[in-house]
Amino acid sequence: MSEEEWAEHLLKNQAIRLETIKKLKNGDVVTGTISSIYQYGAFIRITRHITARIQIGEISSRFVQDWATLIHLGQRVKVVLFDIDYDTGKLEASIKKYEVLNSIEAAPAESTQSELANTIESEAQPLVYGIDDNEETEEESSDEDEDLKMELFNSKDSITPWTKRMQNMQPDGLIKIFNKAINYLQSPDSKKQICLVYVTLLGDIKCPIKPEYLVPLEEGIKREGSVFLKKVIDTIRTGKNRELYRDVCIRYIKERSTSPFGYKELINYARIEKSLDQAKTVPDLLSRADMKHADRKSVEIAYIEALYGLSKIEGRSVIEQQISKIENKSKEEWIIKYIALEMGSIDKAADIAYTRNVLHKSVNSTGIAEEAIKSLFKMYLKFEKEYGTKEREEKVLELAKEYVAKLDK
């Protein structure tokens, strides 16, 4: 059956099981079949949809060297039910309590078992609380091992048994375990956690992303929105699956277009992948966002910084366009940023000449505040001390003195 049909099947079984358990109460005596024997006890199948656990201490009131000799697979036994969890559908059963009752007085009549929906069927393996192994393939049933059955019973809705089985799985195996887990787990927190675990593990597998692999991502978004997406980005940022990282960044931008976080992460992706084409998608996405000025500026700066690492020509072109269209105080900040980027990316003689030209034009610009010009002269002097000659240093100092003299007039 398809994944959707399988999920629907599990939900149906869960609903039947929970409804049937409502007919039972602590102290009821029922008949069942031993379906599995474990290191720490056994499971008894009461109906097709109900399985109960019998711990070692509840196997028998008699003392023997090996408790496992008292029971065998397929054996029909009477048990007393206790500790029924009506929310999760888990039951504890005791052969010992039945033996004690029977030795004191006639055992209570069997309770509502005749009212239960399905007849008892003797099978080698029990149901795992809503997972019908009759419907599983050979590959799926291998996951439903004895340890899982016991761990699920003891887990109190923890994701640990599922997480343990997801380790080192390929995507197809991951999605199968996820589908079982999301239908088994009860609490909203556990469901959110298993979504995050799945996407984190997928993020460390280098593989093409099929649409069905993103179902758990959408499930997490449905439950926690952009908060979930941010958690995912933080966990897969350095993972092997770069395609997934990019897709999640774009998904975050769609969810929260007013936040700079998604754009900066997409820029980070382009920088790591050394992809100029990917970086160039950012301005278009940004142009459609209704964002605060400070947030927009922080994204624009991050974008230009990335461009300088990918293509200095592209970076220079973009920042010059930015400066040319600004006439307020921000222009001074962009000019200083421009020079800082140039000075921080010098690796050949042509870069030195270019930076010197930018500095010279900047200190002679009009319409720039006095404090900004003084900062530019300091940068100019530092540049010439590192890349120029003594004569060039002196020339910059002379220009600075001339500028100060004009201010004093």
Protein backbone atom coordinates (compact mmCIF):
# COMPACT_ATOMS: atom_id res chain seq x y z
CA MET A 1 0.00 0.00 0.00
CA SER A 2 1.06 3.64 -0.46
CA GLU A 3 2.48 5.74 2.37
CA GLU A 4 -0.81 7.66 2.62
CA GLU A 5 -2.85 4.44 2.77
CA TRP A 6 -0.44 3.01 5.35
CA ALA A 7 -0.78 6.12 7.54
CA GLU A 8 -4.57 5.96 7.26
CA HIS A 9 -4.49 2.26 8.13
CA LEU A 10 -2.43 2.94 11.28
CA LEU A 11 -4.74 5.72 12.42
CA LYS A 12 -7.75 3.48 11.92
CA ASN A 13 -6.13 0.68 13.97
CA GLN A 14 -5.19 3.16 16.69
CA ALA A 15 -8.76 4.44 16.90
CA ILE A 16 -10.15 0.88 17.12
CA ARG A 17 -7.64 -0.05 19.80
CA LEU A 18 -8.34 2.98 21.99
CA GLU A 19 -12.10 2.51 21.66
CA THR A 20 -11.82 -1.17 22.56
CA ILE A 21 -9.61 -0.52 25.58
CA LYS A 22 -12.29 1.75 27.03
CA LYS A 23 -14.33 -1.42 27.65
CA LEU A 24 -11.60 -2.77 29.94
CA LYS A 25 -10.74 -1.82 33.51
CA ASN A 26 -8.03 -2.63 36.00
CA GLY A 27 -8.70 -6.00 37.64
CA ASP A 28 -10.47 -7.55 34.64
CA VAL A 29 -9.57 -11.16 33.84
CA VAL A 30 -9.11 -11.92 30.15
CA THR A 31 -7.74 -14.75 28.03
CA GLY A 32 -4.95 -14.20 25.56
CA THR A 33 -2.17 -15.85 23.59
CA ILE A 34 1.56 -15.54 24.34
CA SER A 35 2.84 -13.90 21.20
CA SER A 36 6.44 -12.99 22.09
CA ILE A 37 8.93 -13.85 24.84
CA TYR A 38 11.70 -11.44 25.73
CA GLN A 39 14.62 -11.13 28.10
CA TYR A 40 12.49 -9.16 30.53
CA GLY A 41 9.10 -10.75 30.07
CA ALA A 42 6.53 -11.48 27.38
CA PHE A 43 3.68 -10.02 25.36
CA ILE A 44 0.17 -11.44 25.25
CA ARG A 45 -2.26 -10.78 22.44
CA ILE A 46 -5.76 -10.27 23.76
CA THR A 47 -7.46 -9.28 20.48
CA ARG A 48 -6.26 -8.40 17.03
CA HIS A 49 -5.78 -4.79 18.11
CA ILE A 50 -4.78 -5.16 21.76
CA THR A 51 -1.49 -6.44 23.14
CA ALA A 52 -0.42 -6.32 26.80
CA ARG A 53 2.96 -6.70 28.43
CA ILE A 54 3.73 -9.28 31.14
CA GLN A 55 6.90 -8.45 33.06
CA ILE A 56 9.10 -11.16 34.60
CA GLY A 57 7.70 -10.59 38.07
CA GLU A 58 4.16 -11.14 36.78
CA ILE A 59 4.79 -14.41 34.92
CA SER A 60 3.96 -16.75 37.80
CA SER A 61 3.57 -17.05 41.56
CA ARG A 62 5.62 -20.25 41.45
CA PHE A 63 9.41 -20.35 41.81
CA VAL A 64 11.38 -22.14 39.11
CA GLN A 65 15.00 -21.95 37.95
CA ASP A 66 14.05 -20.49 34.57
CA TRP A 67 10.85 -18.44 34.34
CA ALA A 68 10.78 -18.80 30.55
CA THR A 69 10.00 -22.52 30.93
CA LEU A 70 6.56 -21.58 32.30
CA ILE A 71 5.33 -20.09 29.03
CA HIS A 72 5.71 -20.73 25.33
CA LEU A 73 4.63 -19.05 22.11
CA GLY A 74 1.01 -19.67 21.21
CA GLN A 75 0.10 -20.66 24.78
CA ARG A 76 -3.37 -19.51 25.88
CA VAL A 77 -3.36 -18.06 29.39
CA LYS A 78 -5.66 -16.12 31.70
CA VAL A 79 -4.34 -12.82 33.02
CA VAL A 80 -5.44 -9.99 35.27
CA LEU A 81 -5.20 -6.54 33.68
CA PHE A 82 -3.70 -3.63 35.63
CA ASP A 83 -2.13 -0.24 34.93
CA ILE A 84 -4.22 0.50 31.83
CA ASP A 85 -3.21 3.69 30.00
CA TYR A 86 -6.35 4.78 28.16
CA ASP A 87 -4.54 7.63 26.35
CA THR A 88 -1.81 5.59 24.68
CA GLY A 89 -3.51 2.19 24.70
CA LYS A 90 -0.80 0.40 26.70
CA LEU A 91 -1.67 -2.33 29.20
CA GLU A 92 0.15 -4.35 31.85
CA ALA A 93 -1.06 -7.91 32.46
CA SER A 94 -0.29 -10.49 35.16
CA ILE A 95 -0.53 -14.30 35.13
CA LYS A 96 0.72 -14.24 38.71
CA LYS A 97 -2.20 -12.13 39.96
CA TYR A 98 -4.66 -14.50 38.28
CA GLU A 99 -2.99 -17.53 39.92
CA VAL A 100 -3.17 -15.83 43.33
CA LEU A 101 -6.83 -14.94 42.87
CA ASN A 102 -7.64 -18.46 41.68
CA SER A 103 -5.91 -20.05 44.68
CA ILE A 104 -7.92 -17.94 47.15
CA GLU A 105 -11.35 -18.11 45.56
CA ALA A 106 -12.94 -18.88 42.28
CA ALA A 107 -11.46 -16.50 39.78
CA PRO A 108 -13.71 -13.67 38.63
CA ALA A 109 -15.66 -14.35 35.53
CA GLU A 110 -13.92 -13.18 32.43
CA SER A 111 -14.92 -9.60 31.81
CA THR A 112 -15.95 -7.89 28.68
CA GLN A 113 -13.79 -10.02 26.40
CA SER A 114 -16.83 -11.37 24.57
CA GLU A 115 -17.71 -7.79 23.73
CA LEU A 116 -14.36 -7.07 22.16
CA ALA A 117 -14.52 -6.56 18.44
CA ASN A 118 -12.17 -9.25 17.16
CA THR A 119 -11.57 -12.89 18.05
CA ILE A 120 -8.21 -13.97 19.46
CA GLU A 121 -5.77 -15.17 16.84
CA SER A 122 -2.62 -17.07 17.80
CA GLU A 123 0.33 -15.60 15.91
CA ALA A 124 4.09 -15.63 16.43
CA GLN A 125 4.51 -11.88 16.80
CA PRO A 126 2.31 -9.31 18.62
CA LEU A 127 1.06 -6.00 17.36
CA VAL A 128 3.26 -3.09 18.43
CA TYR A 129 0.50 -0.88 19.82
CA GLY A 130 -1.16 0.10 16.60
CA ILE A 131 1.40 -1.14 14.06
CA ASP A 132 -0.09 -4.17 12.36
CA ASP A 133 2.84 -6.31 11.26
CA ASN A 134 0.52 -8.41 9.09
CA GLU A 135 0.53 -5.51 6.64
CA GLU A 136 4.28 -4.90 6.59
CA THR A 137 6.77 -6.01 4.01
CA GLU A 138 9.75 -8.13 5.01
CA GLU A 139 11.97 -5.03 5.08
CA GLU A 140 9.52 -3.10 7.28
CA SER A 141 8.98 -5.93 9.73
CA SER A 142 12.73 -6.14 10.37
CA ASP A 143 12.44 -2.77 12.09
CA GLU A 144 9.79 -4.09 14.47
CA ASP A 145 12.20 -6.21 16.45
CA GLU A 146 11.80 -7.43 19.97
CA ASP A 147 13.83 -4.58 21.46
CA LEU A 148 11.59 -2.01 19.78
CA LYS A 149 8.46 -3.54 21.26
CA MET A 150 9.88 -3.40 24.77
CA GLU A 151 11.40 0.07 24.29
CA LEU A 152 8.13 1.48 23.00
CA PHE A 153 6.28 0.13 25.98
CA ASN A 154 8.78 1.71 28.38
CA SER A 155 9.45 4.91 26.46
CA LYS A 156 6.51 7.01 27.71
CA ASP A 157 6.10 8.56 24.23
CA SER A 158 9.83 9.27 23.87
CA ILE A 159 11.32 9.53 20.38
CA THR A 160 14.46 7.64 21.45
CA PRO A 161 13.45 4.17 20.14
CA TRP A 162 12.66 5.66 16.73
CA THR A 163 15.72 7.92 16.63
CA LYS A 164 17.97 4.97 17.38
CA ARG A 165 16.59 3.09 14.38
CA MET A 166 16.90 6.08 12.07
CA GLN A 167 20.68 6.26 12.49
CA ASN A 168 22.70 5.40 9.35
CA MET A 169 19.54 4.84 7.31
CA GLN A 170 19.20 5.90 3.68
CA PRO A 171 16.32 8.29 2.78
CA ASP A 172 13.82 5.57 1.82
CA GLY A 173 14.39 3.80 5.13
CA LEU A 174 14.24 7.08 7.04
CA ILE A 175 10.87 8.04 5.63
CA LYS A 176 9.39 4.60 6.43
CA ILE A 177 10.47 4.78 10.06
CA PHE A 178 9.30 8.39 10.28
CA ASN A 179 5.83 7.47 9.01
CA LYS A 180 5.51 4.78 11.68
CA ALA A 181 6.84 7.07 14.40
CA ILE A 182 4.61 10.05 13.60
CA ASN A 183 1.54 7.81 13.75
CA TYR A 184 2.65 6.08 16.95
CA LEU A 185 3.75 9.13 18.96
CA GLN A 186 1.02 10.92 20.90
CA SER A 187 2.27 14.27 22.21
CA PRO A 188 2.71 17.34 19.96
CA ASP A 189 6.25 17.84 21.30
CA SER A 190 7.28 14.31 20.40
CA LYS A 191 5.87 14.73 16.91
CA LYS A 192 7.82 17.99 16.44
CA GLN A 193 10.98 16.36 17.74
CA ILE A 194 10.77 13.39 15.37
CA CYS A 195 10.25 15.78 12.43
CA LEU A 196 13.44 17.65 13.38
CA VAL A 197 15.42 14.43 13.87
CA TYR A 198 14.33 13.16 10.45
CA VAL A 199 15.28 16.36 8.58
CA THR A 200 18.59 16.61 10.47
CA LEU A 201 19.55 13.08 9.45
CA LEU A 202 18.42 13.66 5.86
CA GLY A 203 20.61 16.78 5.84
CA ASP A 204 23.67 14.61 6.36
CA ILE A 205 22.96 12.31 3.41
CA LYS A 206 24.22 13.42 0.00
CA CYS A 207 21.33 12.52 -2.28
CA PRO A 208 18.76 14.07 -4.64
CA ILE A 209 15.68 15.35 -2.83
CA LYS A 210 12.46 13.60 -3.85
CA PRO A 211 9.14 15.31 -3.02
CA GLU A 212 8.20 12.54 -0.56
CA TYR A 213 11.38 13.20 1.42
CA LEU A 214 10.08 16.67 2.27
CA VAL A 215 6.80 15.50 3.84
CA PRO A 216 8.28 15.48 7.39
CA LEU A 217 9.63 19.00 6.78
CA GLU A 218 6.13 20.21 5.91
CA GLU A 219 4.76 18.37 8.93
CA GLY A 220 7.19 20.26 11.16
CA ILE A 221 6.31 23.58 9.52
CA LYS A 222 2.61 22.86 10.04
CA ARG A 223 3.28 22.35 13.74
CA GLU A 224 5.84 25.09 14.45
CA GLY A 225 6.14 27.37 11.41
CA SER A 226 9.34 29.37 10.87
CA VAL A 227 10.61 28.40 14.34
CA PHE A 228 10.89 24.83 13.08
CA LEU A 229 12.62 25.96 9.89
CA LYS A 230 15.21 27.92 11.86
CA LYS A 231 15.96 24.85 13.97
CA VAL A 232 16.40 22.82 10.79
CA ILE A 233 18.74 25.38 9.23
CA ASP A 234 20.87 25.48 12.37
CA THR A 235 21.25 21.68 12.30
CA ILE A 236 21.87 21.10 8.56
CA ARG A 237 23.98 24.19 7.77
CA THR A 238 27.20 22.17 7.57
CA GLY A 239 25.59 18.90 6.42
CA LYS A 240 26.34 17.02 3.22
CA ASN A 241 22.98 17.65 1.56
CA ARG A 242 23.49 21.12 0.14
CA GLU A 243 20.32 20.91 -1.98
CA LEU A 244 18.22 20.41 1.15
CA TYR A 245 19.96 23.34 2.89
CA ARG A 246 19.18 25.63 -0.05
CA ASP A 247 15.55 24.46 -0.25
CA VAL A 248 15.01 25.04 3.48
CA CYS A 249 16.55 28.55 3.24
CA ILE A 250 14.14 29.44 0.44
CA ARG A 251 11.26 27.89 2.38
CA TYR A 252 12.16 30.05 5.39
CA ILE A 253 12.14 33.18 3.20
CA LYS A 254 8.64 32.28 2.00
CA GLU A 255 7.48 31.80 5.59
CA ARG A 256 9.14 34.94 6.97
CA SER A 257 10.04 37.30 4.16
CA THR A 258 10.51 40.18 6.60
CA SER A 259 13.33 38.45 8.50
CA PRO A 260 16.94 38.85 7.31
CA PHE A 261 17.83 35.37 8.59
CA GLY A 262 16.70 33.36 5.55
CA TYR A 263 18.37 35.69 3.02
CA LYS A 264 21.67 35.60 4.91
CA GLU A 265 21.54 31.82 5.06
CA LEU A 266 20.89 31.65 1.31
CA ILE A 267 23.86 33.98 0.78
CA ASN A 268 25.93 31.69 2.99
CA TYR A 269 24.87 28.74 0.82
CA ALA A 270 25.97 30.58 -2.36
CA ARG A 271 29.30 31.50 -0.77
CA ILE A 272 30.05 27.94 0.35
CA GLU A 273 29.03 26.53 -3.02
CA LYS A 274 30.95 29.31 -4.82
CA SER A 275 27.82 29.91 -6.88
CA LEU A 276 27.51 33.42 -8.32
CA ASP A 277 24.23 32.47 -10.02
CA GLN A 278 22.70 31.42 -6.71
CA ALA A 279 23.89 34.61 -5.02
CA LYS A 280 22.24 36.68 -7.74
CA THR A 281 18.81 35.26 -6.81
CA VAL A 282 18.90 37.18 -3.51
CA PRO A 283 18.18 40.75 -4.79
CA ASP A 284 15.00 39.58 -6.54
CA LEU A 285 13.75 37.83 -3.39
CA LEU A 286 14.70 40.86 -1.31
CA SER A 287 12.90 43.30 -3.63
CA ARG A 288 9.58 41.62 -2.81
CA ALA A 289 10.03 41.79 0.97
CA ASP A 290 8.50 44.48 3.17
CA MET A 291 11.48 44.69 5.51
CA LYS A 292 12.77 47.20 8.05
CA HIS A 293 15.48 49.49 6.69
CA ALA A 294 18.16 48.23 9.10
CA ASP A 295 17.35 44.59 8.31
CA ARG A 296 17.39 45.21 4.56
CA LYS A 297 20.72 46.98 4.82
CA SER A 298 22.26 44.11 6.77
CA VAL A 299 21.20 41.69 4.00
CA GLU A 300 22.54 44.01 1.27
CA ILE A 301 25.91 44.24 3.03
CA ALA A 302 26.08 40.45 3.45
CA TYR A 303 25.22 40.06 -0.25
CA ILE A 304 27.93 42.44 -1.43
CA GLU A 305 30.51 40.86 0.90
CA ALA A 306 29.69 37.47 -0.64
CA LEU A 307 29.98 38.91 -4.15
CA TYR A 308 33.47 40.17 -3.37
CA GLY A 309 34.46 36.59 -2.58
CA LEU A 310 32.79 35.20 -5.72
CA SER A 311 33.50 37.93 -8.28
CA LYS A 312 35.15 41.21 -7.35
CA ILE A 313 33.96 42.80 -10.60
CA GLU A 314 30.34 41.95 -9.71
CA GLY A 315 30.85 43.19 -6.17
CA ARG A 316 32.29 46.53 -7.30
CA SER A 317 29.48 47.02 -9.80
CA VAL A 318 26.75 46.41 -7.22
CA ILE A 319 28.22 48.60 -4.49
CA GLU A 320 28.89 51.48 -6.91
CA GLN A 321 25.27 51.32 -8.03
CA GLN A 322 24.21 51.32 -4.39
CA ILE A 323 26.30 54.42 -3.60
CA SER A 324 25.10 56.29 -6.70
CA LYS A 325 21.42 56.05 -5.73
CA ILE A 326 21.85 57.20 -2.08
CA GLU A 327 21.98 60.85 -1.06
CA ASN A 328 21.66 60.68 2.73
CA LYS A 329 23.95 59.72 5.59
CA SER A 330 23.87 56.10 4.49
CA LYS A 331 26.02 57.09 1.52
CA GLU A 332 28.96 57.78 3.84
CA GLU A 333 28.55 54.37 5.45
CA TRP A 334 28.45 52.66 2.06
CA ILE A 335 31.59 54.49 0.89
CA ILE A 336 33.47 53.42 4.01
CA LYS A 337 32.21 49.87 3.49
CA TYR A 338 33.34 50.00 -0.16
CA ILE A 339 36.86 51.01 0.81
CA ALA A 340 37.01 48.42 3.60
CA LEU A 341 36.04 45.69 1.13
CA GLU A 342 38.67 46.86 -1.35
CA MET A 343 41.41 47.06 1.26
CA GLY A 344 40.45 43.62 2.59
CA SER A 345 40.64 41.91 -0.80
CA ILE A 346 43.91 43.17 -2.30
CA ASP A 347 45.92 40.39 -3.91
CA LYS A 348 47.61 42.03 -6.94
CA ALA A 349 49.04 45.34 -8.14
CA ALA A 350 45.88 46.22 -10.06
CA ASP A 351 43.89 46.01 -6.82
CA ILE A 352 46.27 48.46 -5.13
CA ALA A 353 45.86 50.98 -7.95
CA TYR A 354 42.08 50.56 -7.93
CA THR A 355 41.79 51.02 -4.16
CA ARG A 356 44.04 54.10 -4.26
CA ASN A 357 41.81 55.64 -6.91
CA VAL A 358 38.65 54.95 -4.84
CA LEU A 359 40.25 56.51 -1.76
CA HIS A 360 41.39 59.60 -3.66
CA LYS A 361 37.93 60.16 -5.15
CA SER A 362 36.26 59.62 -1.79
CA VAL A 363 38.30 62.19 0.21
CA ASN A 364 37.58 64.74 -2.53
CA SER A 365 33.85 64.04 -2.59
CA THR A 366 31.40 66.81 -1.78
CA GLY A 367 28.30 66.42 0.35
CA ILE A 368 29.98 64.10 2.85
CA ALA A 369 30.07 64.98 6.55
CA GLU A 370 33.30 66.23 8.13
CA GLU A 371 33.64 63.23 10.47
CA ALA A 372 33.23 60.83 7.57
CA ILE A 373 35.96 62.60 5.54
CA LYS A 374 38.32 62.42 8.52
CA SER A 375 37.65 58.67 8.78
CA LEU A 376 38.39 58.31 5.07
CA PHE A 377 41.72 60.16 5.44
CA LYS A 378 42.69 57.77 8.24
CA MET A 379 41.91 54.81 5.98
CA TYR A 380 43.82 56.45 3.12
CA LEU A 381 46.89 57.01 5.31
CA LYS A 382 46.77 53.43 6.64
CA PHE A 383 46.55 52.16 3.07
CA GLU A 384 49.58 54.12 1.89
CA LYS A 385 51.63 53.01 4.90
CA GLU A 386 50.95 49.40 3.96
CA TYR A 387 51.03 49.52 0.17
CA GLY A 388 52.54 52.89 -0.80
CA THR A 389 55.78 54.82 -0.36
CA LYS A 390 56.91 57.50 2.07
CA GLU A 391 56.22 60.12 -0.56
CA ARG A 392 52.65 58.91 -1.00
CA GLU A 393 52.10 58.99 2.78
CA GLU A 394 53.29 62.59 2.89
CA LYS A 395 51.01 63.49 -0.01
CA VAL A 396 47.99 62.10 1.88
CA LEU A 397 49.00 64.03 5.02
CA GLU A 398 49.25 67.20 2.93
CA LEU A 399 45.79 66.65 1.50
CA ALA A 400 44.42 66.15 5.00
CA LYS A 401 46.00 69.39 6.22
CA GLU A 402 44.52 71.29 3.27
CA TYR A 403 41.09 69.88 4.09
CA VAL A 404 41.34 70.93 7.76
CA ALA A 405 42.55 74.41 6.73
CA LYS A 406 39.46 74.86 4.55
CA LEU A 407 37.25 73.93 7.49
CA ASP A 408 38.88 76.62 9.68
CA LYS A 409 38.11 79.41 7.20
